[in-house]
Every structure is written in structure tokens, then in C-alpha cells.
Protein backbone atom coordinates (compact mmCIF):
# COMPACT_ATOMS: atom_id res chain seq x y z
CA UNK A 1 -60.59 14.01 -54.45
CA UNK A 2 -57.53 12.20 -53.21
CA UNK A 3 -57.39 10.53 -49.83
CA UNK A 4 -53.99 10.05 -48.22
CA UNK A 5 -54.24 6.49 -46.95
CA UNK A 6 -50.87 6.63 -45.15
CA UNK A 7 -51.87 9.57 -42.98
CA UNK A 8 -55.03 7.91 -41.67
CA UNK A 9 -54.31 4.18 -41.81
CA UNK A 10 -54.13 3.57 -38.04
CA UNK A 11 -57.85 2.70 -38.12
CA UNK A 12 -60.23 1.83 -40.91
CA UNK A 13 -63.02 4.32 -40.25
CA UNK A 14 -63.64 7.74 -38.73
CA UNK A 15 -66.97 8.80 -37.20
CA UNK A 16 -67.97 12.47 -37.05
CA UNK A 17 -71.13 13.69 -35.33
CA UNK A 18 -72.90 17.04 -35.56
CA UNK A 19 -75.69 18.33 -33.33
CA UNK A 20 -77.23 21.53 -32.01
CA UNK A 21 -80.39 22.17 -29.96
CA UNK A 22 -81.19 19.09 -27.89
CA UNK A 23 -77.82 17.66 -28.79
CA UNK A 24 -76.30 17.28 -25.34
CA UNK A 25 -79.03 14.85 -24.31
CA UNK A 26 -78.81 13.05 -27.67
CA UNK A 27 -75.02 12.76 -27.48
CA UNK A 28 -75.28 11.38 -23.94
CA UNK A 29 -77.60 8.64 -25.14
CA UNK A 30 -75.43 7.92 -28.18
CA UNK A 31 -72.11 7.57 -26.34
CA UNK A 32 -73.74 5.44 -23.64
CA UNK A 33 -74.65 2.88 -26.32
CA UNK A 34 -71.12 2.50 -27.71
CA UNK A 35 -69.07 -0.49 -26.50
CA UNK A 36 -65.55 -0.36 -25.06
CA UNK A 37 -64.12 -2.00 -28.18
CA UNK A 38 -65.42 0.69 -30.56
CA UNK A 39 -62.97 0.43 -33.49
CA UNK A 40 -62.74 4.06 -34.64
CA UNK A 41 -62.27 7.61 -33.33
CA UNK A 42 -65.40 9.74 -32.90
CA UNK A 43 -65.29 13.53 -33.25
CA UNK A 44 -68.23 15.58 -31.95
CA UNK A 45 -69.28 19.08 -33.03
CA UNK A 46 -72.06 20.28 -30.72
CA UNK A 47 -73.18 23.91 -31.04
CA UNK A 48 -72.26 25.62 -27.76
CA UNK A 49 -72.63 29.05 -26.18
CA UNK A 50 -69.44 30.85 -27.31
CA UNK A 51 -69.41 33.02 -24.19
CA UNK A 52 -69.47 30.23 -21.62
CA UNK A 53 -66.99 27.43 -20.87
CA UNK A 54 -68.28 24.04 -21.93
CA UNK A 55 -68.72 21.12 -19.57
CA UNK A 56 -69.87 18.77 -22.34
CA UNK A 57 -66.89 16.48 -21.71
CA UNK A 58 -67.86 16.05 -18.05
CA UNK A 59 -71.47 15.32 -18.96
CA UNK A 60 -70.46 12.67 -21.50
CA UNK A 61 -67.88 11.10 -19.20
CA UNK A 62 -70.67 10.14 -16.82
CA UNK A 63 -72.40 8.16 -19.58
CA UNK A 64 -69.57 6.81 -21.72
CA UNK A 65 -67.33 3.75 -21.38
CA UNK A 66 -65.01 5.36 -23.94
CA UNK A 67 -62.44 8.03 -23.00
CA UNK A 68 -63.66 11.59 -23.63
CA UNK A 69 -60.98 13.97 -24.93
CA UNK A 70 -61.36 17.74 -25.27
CA UNK A 71 -59.54 18.84 -28.42
CA UNK A 72 -56.45 20.92 -27.60
CA UNK A 73 -54.96 22.77 -30.57
CA UNK A 74 -53.91 19.69 -32.58
CA UNK A 75 -54.79 16.23 -31.28
CA UNK A 76 -53.89 12.97 -32.95
CA UNK A 77 -56.87 10.70 -33.50
CA UNK A 78 -56.96 7.28 -31.84
CA UNK A 79 -59.52 4.51 -32.18
CA UNK A 80 -61.91 4.07 -29.28
CA UNK A 81 -61.82 7.70 -28.11
CA UNK A 82 -64.44 10.45 -28.31
CA UNK A 83 -63.12 13.92 -29.18
CA UNK A 84 -65.14 16.96 -28.12
CA UNK A 85 -64.80 20.45 -29.58
CA UNK A 86 -64.50 23.24 -26.97
CA UNK A 87 -66.89 26.20 -27.02
CA UNK A 88 -66.23 29.07 -29.46
CA UNK A 89 -63.80 27.04 -31.60
CA UNK A 90 -64.12 25.18 -34.86
CA UNK A 91 -62.61 21.73 -35.37
CA UNK A 92 -61.33 20.25 -38.63
CA UNK A 93 -59.75 16.95 -39.58
CA UNK A 94 -56.28 17.38 -41.08
CA UNK A 95 -53.75 14.59 -41.76
CA UNK A 96 -54.95 12.20 -39.06
CA UNK A 97 -55.33 14.96 -36.46
CA UNK A 98 -58.33 16.92 -35.20
CA UNK A 99 -57.31 20.58 -35.09
CA UNK A 100 -58.80 23.72 -33.59
CA UNK A 101 -59.49 26.52 -36.05
CA UNK A 102 -60.84 30.05 -35.65
CA UNK A 103 -61.59 32.05 -38.77
CA UNK A 104 -64.42 30.56 -40.80
CA UNK A 105 -66.79 33.49 -41.18
CA UNK A 106 -70.06 33.58 -39.30
CA UNK A 107 -70.55 29.83 -39.06
CA UNK A 108 -72.07 28.41 -35.86
CA UNK A 109 -69.30 27.24 -33.51
CA UNK A 110 -68.19 24.57 -33.85
CA UNK A 111 -69.18 24.28 -37.49
CA UNK A 112 -70.63 20.90 -38.40
CA UNK A 113 -70.16 21.68 -42.10
CA UNK A 114 -66.44 22.32 -41.57
CA UNK A 115 -65.96 19.12 -39.58
CA UNK A 116 -67.76 17.00 -42.18
CA UNK A 117 -66.16 18.51 -45.28
CA UNK A 118 -62.62 18.40 -43.86
CA UNK A 119 -63.13 14.79 -42.73
CA UNK A 120 -64.50 13.86 -46.15
CA UNK A 121 -61.38 15.23 -47.81
CA UNK A 122 -59.10 13.15 -45.58
CA UNK A 123 -61.08 9.92 -45.19
CA UNK A 124 -63.22 9.57 -48.30
CA UNK A 125 -65.26 6.38 -48.23
CA UNK A 126 -63.92 5.48 -44.78
CA UNK A 127 -65.98 8.24 -43.16
CA UNK A 128 -69.24 7.81 -41.26
CA UNK A 129 -71.06 11.12 -40.67
CA UNK A 130 -73.97 11.46 -38.24
CA UNK A 131 -76.41 14.37 -37.93
CA UNK A 132 -78.46 14.50 -34.74
CA UNK A 133 -81.13 16.83 -33.39
CA UNK A 134 -80.67 20.56 -33.95
CA UNK A 135 -82.06 23.82 -35.27
CA UNK A 136 -80.95 25.31 -38.57
CA UNK A 137 -79.16 23.63 -41.47
CA UNK A 138 -75.53 23.35 -40.34
CA UNK A 139 -74.22 20.00 -41.57
CA UNK A 140 -76.30 19.80 -44.76
CA UNK A 141 -73.55 21.08 -47.07
CA UNK A 142 -70.92 19.01 -45.29
CA UNK A 143 -73.05 15.87 -45.63
CA UNK A 144 -73.20 16.39 -49.40
CA UNK A 145 -69.39 16.49 -49.44
CA UNK A 146 -69.28 13.28 -47.40
CA UNK A 147 -71.61 11.62 -49.88
CA UNK A 148 -69.61 12.83 -52.89
CA UNK A 149 -66.45 11.35 -51.38
CA UNK A 150 -68.12 7.97 -50.92
CA UNK A 151 -68.72 8.18 -47.16
CA UNK A 152 -71.80 7.08 -45.26
CA UNK A 153 -74.35 9.57 -43.89
CA UNK A 154 -76.74 8.79 -41.04
CA UNK A 155 -79.41 11.10 -39.64
CA UNK A 156 -81.50 10.89 -36.51
CA UNK A 157 -85.11 10.14 -37.37
CA UNK A 158 -86.71 13.61 -37.68
CA UNK A 159 -89.99 12.19 -36.37
CA UNK A 160 -88.37 11.36 -33.04
CA UNK A 161 -85.66 14.05 -32.89
CA UNK A 162 -86.32 16.77 -30.33
CA UNK A 163 -85.40 19.43 -32.93
CA UNK A 164 -85.73 17.97 -36.44
CA UNK A 165 -84.46 20.93 -38.51
CA UNK A 166 -80.85 19.80 -38.86
CA UNK A 167 -81.52 16.20 -39.97
CA UNK A 168 -84.35 17.40 -42.23
CA UNK A 169 -82.06 19.96 -43.92
CA UNK A 170 -80.06 17.23 -45.66
CA UNK A 171 -81.12 16.42 -49.22
CA UNK A 172 -82.58 12.88 -49.38
CA UNK A 173 -79.92 11.84 -51.90
CA UNK A 174 -77.21 12.49 -49.29
CA UNK A 175 -78.74 10.21 -46.63
CA UNK A 176 -77.88 6.52 -46.35
CA UNK A 177 -79.64 5.65 -43.09
CA UNK A 178 -82.36 7.14 -40.90
CA UNK A 179 -82.31 5.79 -37.35
CA UNK A 180 -83.92 6.43 -33.99
CA UNK A 181 -81.40 7.52 -31.39
CA UNK A 182 -81.69 4.29 -29.44
CA UNK A 183 -80.68 2.20 -32.47
CA UNK A 184 -77.99 4.53 -33.77
CA UNK A 185 -75.12 3.28 -31.60
CA UNK A 186 -75.39 -0.30 -32.84
CA UNK A 187 -75.71 0.88 -36.45
CA UNK A 188 -72.57 3.02 -36.21
CA UNK A 189 -70.71 0.19 -34.50
CA UNK A 190 -71.67 -2.29 -37.22
CA UNK A 191 -70.57 0.11 -39.98
CA UNK A 192 -67.30 1.01 -38.24
CA UNK A 193 -66.46 -2.62 -37.44
CA UNK A 194 -67.42 -3.81 -40.90
CA UNK A 195 -66.98 -7.36 -42.07
CA UNK A 196 -63.91 -9.26 -43.17
CA UNK A 197 -63.92 -9.28 -46.94
CA UNK A 198 -61.61 -11.36 -49.13
CA UNK A 199 -59.12 -9.46 -51.22
CA UNK A 200 -60.20 -9.01 -54.86
CA UNK A 201 -57.55 -11.42 -56.15
CA UNK A 202 -58.62 -14.21 -53.79
CA UNK A 203 -61.36 -16.77 -54.44
CA UNK A 204 -64.13 -14.20 -54.15
CA UNK A 205 -64.16 -13.52 -57.88
CA UNK A 206 -66.92 -16.01 -58.73
CA UNK A 207 -69.17 -14.79 -55.91
CA UNK A 208 -68.51 -11.15 -56.72
CA UNK A 209 -69.33 -11.87 -60.36
CA UNK A 210 -72.63 -13.47 -59.27
CA UNK A 211 -73.52 -10.38 -57.22
CA UNK A 212 -72.73 -8.02 -60.09
CA UNK A 213 -74.69 -10.15 -62.55
CA UNK A 214 -77.74 -9.91 -60.28
CA UNK A 215 -77.27 -6.15 -60.15
CA UNK A 216 -76.94 -6.01 -63.94
CA UNK A 217 -80.13 -8.04 -64.46
CA UNK A 218 -82.17 -5.70 -62.27
CA UNK A 219 -80.57 -2.30 -62.85
CA UNK A 220 -79.19 -2.88 -66.37
CA UNK A 221 -75.82 -1.50 -65.27
CA UNK A 222 -72.66 -3.54 -65.61
CA UNK A 223 -70.31 -2.71 -62.74
CA UNK A 224 -67.78 -5.43 -63.59
CA UNK A 225 -65.31 -3.03 -65.23
CA UNK A 226 -65.06 -0.94 -62.05
CA UNK A 227 -62.29 -1.31 -59.49
CA UNK A 228 -62.99 -4.51 -57.49
CA UNK A 229 -61.66 -3.11 -54.20
CA UNK A 230 -64.09 -0.17 -54.37
CA UNK A 231 -67.02 -2.42 -55.25
CA UNK A 232 -66.15 -4.86 -52.44
CA UNK A 233 -66.00 -2.01 -49.94
CA UNK A 234 -69.50 -0.84 -50.89
CA UNK A 235 -70.77 -4.41 -50.59
CA UNK A 236 -69.10 -4.74 -47.18
CA UNK A 237 -71.03 -1.69 -45.93
CA UNK A 238 -74.33 -3.26 -46.95
CA UNK A 239 -73.33 -6.60 -45.42
CA UNK A 240 -72.48 -4.91 -42.11
CA UNK A 241 -75.88 -3.22 -41.95
CA UNK A 242 -77.64 -6.51 -42.75
CA UNK A 243 -75.46 -8.46 -40.27
CA UNK A 244 -74.22 -10.81 -42.98
CA UNK A 245 -70.60 -11.87 -42.56
CA UNK A 246 -70.00 -13.90 -45.70
CA UNK A 247 -70.00 -12.74 -49.32
CA UNK A 248 -71.66 -15.94 -50.56
CA UNK A 249 -74.39 -15.56 -47.93
CA UNK A 250 -74.95 -11.99 -49.12
CA UNK A 251 -75.20 -13.17 -52.73
CA UNK A 252 -77.83 -15.68 -51.62
CA UNK A 253 -79.62 -12.95 -49.66
CA UNK A 254 -79.86 -10.78 -52.78
CA UNK A 255 -81.81 -13.47 -54.63
CA UNK A 256 -85.45 -12.42 -54.69
CA UNK A 257 -84.84 -9.15 -52.83
CA UNK A 258 -84.96 -6.37 -55.43
CA UNK A 259 -85.11 -3.70 -52.71
CA UNK A 260 -81.66 -4.73 -51.41
CA UNK A 261 -80.25 -4.82 -54.95
CA UNK A 262 -81.54 -1.26 -55.39
CA UNK A 263 -79.79 -0.16 -52.17
CA UNK A 264 -76.56 -1.75 -53.38
CA UNK A 265 -76.82 -0.01 -56.75
CA UNK A 266 -77.23 3.36 -55.05
CA UNK A 267 -74.13 2.75 -52.94
CA UNK A 268 -72.16 1.93 -56.11
CA UNK A 269 -73.40 4.94 -58.04
CA UNK A 270 -72.41 7.62 -55.52
CA UNK A 271 -68.73 7.55 -56.45
CA UNK A 272 -68.67 6.17 -59.97
CA UNK A 273 -71.14 8.79 -61.27
CA UNK A 274 -69.35 11.73 -59.68
CA UNK A 275 -68.22 12.86 -63.15
CA UNK A 276 -71.83 13.35 -64.24
CA UNK A 277 -72.33 15.90 -61.42
CA UNK A 278 -69.28 17.92 -62.55
CA UNK A 279 -70.84 21.07 -64.05
CA UNK A 280 -67.54 22.49 -65.29
CA UNK A 281 -66.70 19.29 -67.15
CA UNK A 282 -70.02 19.29 -68.96
CA UNK A 283 -69.73 23.00 -69.82
CA UNK A 284 -66.34 22.28 -71.37
CA UNK A 285 -67.80 19.39 -73.38
CA UNK A 286 -70.70 21.58 -74.52
CA UNK A 287 -68.61 24.55 -75.63
CA UNK A 288 -65.37 22.94 -76.85
CA UNK A 289 -65.77 19.26 -77.66
CA UNK A 290 -69.27 18.70 -79.00
CA UNK A 291 -69.14 21.53 -81.60
CA UNK A 292 -65.94 20.02 -83.05
CA UNK A 293 -67.47 16.54 -83.22
CA UNK A 294 -70.60 17.90 -84.94
CA UNK A 295 -68.54 19.94 -87.38
CA UNK A 296 -66.40 16.96 -88.35
CA UNK A 297 -69.45 14.73 -88.72
């Protein structure tokens, strides 16, 4: 999967949110907890009655300090704005725009799966996807695509969600964080804001090496050959969640905390092991490459 950095470089992250039954109340609470300086665009896909005009934007405007924008055909994304899909239309992320789309079979409208999968294709590991209360399983397939592309997936705690079916439909391996609605705004803000990380070629090399050595000692996986910028970005996500702003402080925090090392390893493995989930690649190896190796041996 290739992400076009030039087309979506106006902001570092994109947040997409899917919800269904009980979602209007949940979205109202969520947007009310987001500060005026929120550093990314937010695109909402709330299942709506296709036969009635939506007033979701008006409901959210009463609770939000951020501008609420109803998507009109093709709307360019801007940081610090909340984009709402109209009733009976799908929305997809294409080339830095959120676009209205019609023909996508019998999906619920707007389709959470379509929003998540299209955003994953454009934003890769810069995407934060959120699944709130709702009936059914819309969003589960899209969340898997987000995870495969290196993005972050958050679900509302099913134990406190009004309708837990949607968050519970996601496979556990696709979920990074489970949060109660009241804590979700601050978590999303921390992830979207991130932390200032040194560039790989700067004097972070010794500290990064220390972090990776700790990971190697516990998980017996050497990540040092992997691309430093990718590794640093995964570390930055963990640092943001833990409210640690310095790489050396994070290295110190890892000492004696095997559970955090395990979380870091999982965040590394999502992208670098994508090849091992490629069924076609392994079928080709099985049928074409391995027989030749065995025959020659």
C-alpha cells in the first residue's frame, strides 16, 4: 500500500469515526471534549435514516468548540474541523478530500467500512480510526484495513457502550485502545498531537538503540535493521499515550516494564509482518519456489 504524502501533508494525522445506534449522543459527548486547537480533521460516519434529512450537524454544533461542516460533494480537509456525512450518502477519503459517493451495494449509509478503508489507503500510519456505539458489524472490515496500513484503532468500551455490537465486532488483533467515552477525547487528542521526535539522523541513535536492545532482550526480535523513521513513529505513538515527551525518558520508562515492551513490539509488528499475512505470496512460494529448492537440494 502506497500513501501519497504530498496529497495529505497539510496535517500529520486524520481522525475518522464510525457509529450507529446510540451514536448521536456518543458523538455529542466526544466532540464536546475536543479542544479548539485540535490538530487534525475529523470525519464522522453516523448511520442515519436515509429517508429523512439529517440535523446531526446542528446537534453537534451546540456541543462543539470546533467548526462542524456537512460534506458537500467534494470537500477539502482542514485541521480542526469536524466533517459530517449527510443522510443517504456514503463518504470516502480521496487525495486529501472527503467526497460523497453513492453506489456501494447494500451497505448501511454512510458506510463506516468505506470511510475507514479509503482513509487507510490515503493516510496509512497517520490515521486514527474510532468505532463508537452501534448495532451490527459495520466498521469491522475497515478497521482491519486501518490496522494493516499501520494506523491506530480505538473502540468505545463495549461494557459501557449503549449498543456494544459494533465495537465488539472488531477482531481483538485490530484494536489498539479500548476507552470509555469520557476518556476518548483526550486519548484521540494525545495521539493526534503526538510528541516531537528527533529525526533518525540526529543524536537519537544511541537512545533508539537502547530501546531496540531492550525489545530484543524481551521479545527476541531485532528491529534495528528496519527503517528508523517507521520505528520512531511507532514509538512516538506509545509515548503520546503514556504522556512521555522525551525519547530518553521513554527508554527509562521501559526498564522493568515488560508489559509496555510487549505493547511496543505489537505496534512494530503490525506493518513489518504484513508479508506473512499475504496468502497469495505464500501460495506462490508453496507451488513455485519451494519445489524447485527441494529438487535442487
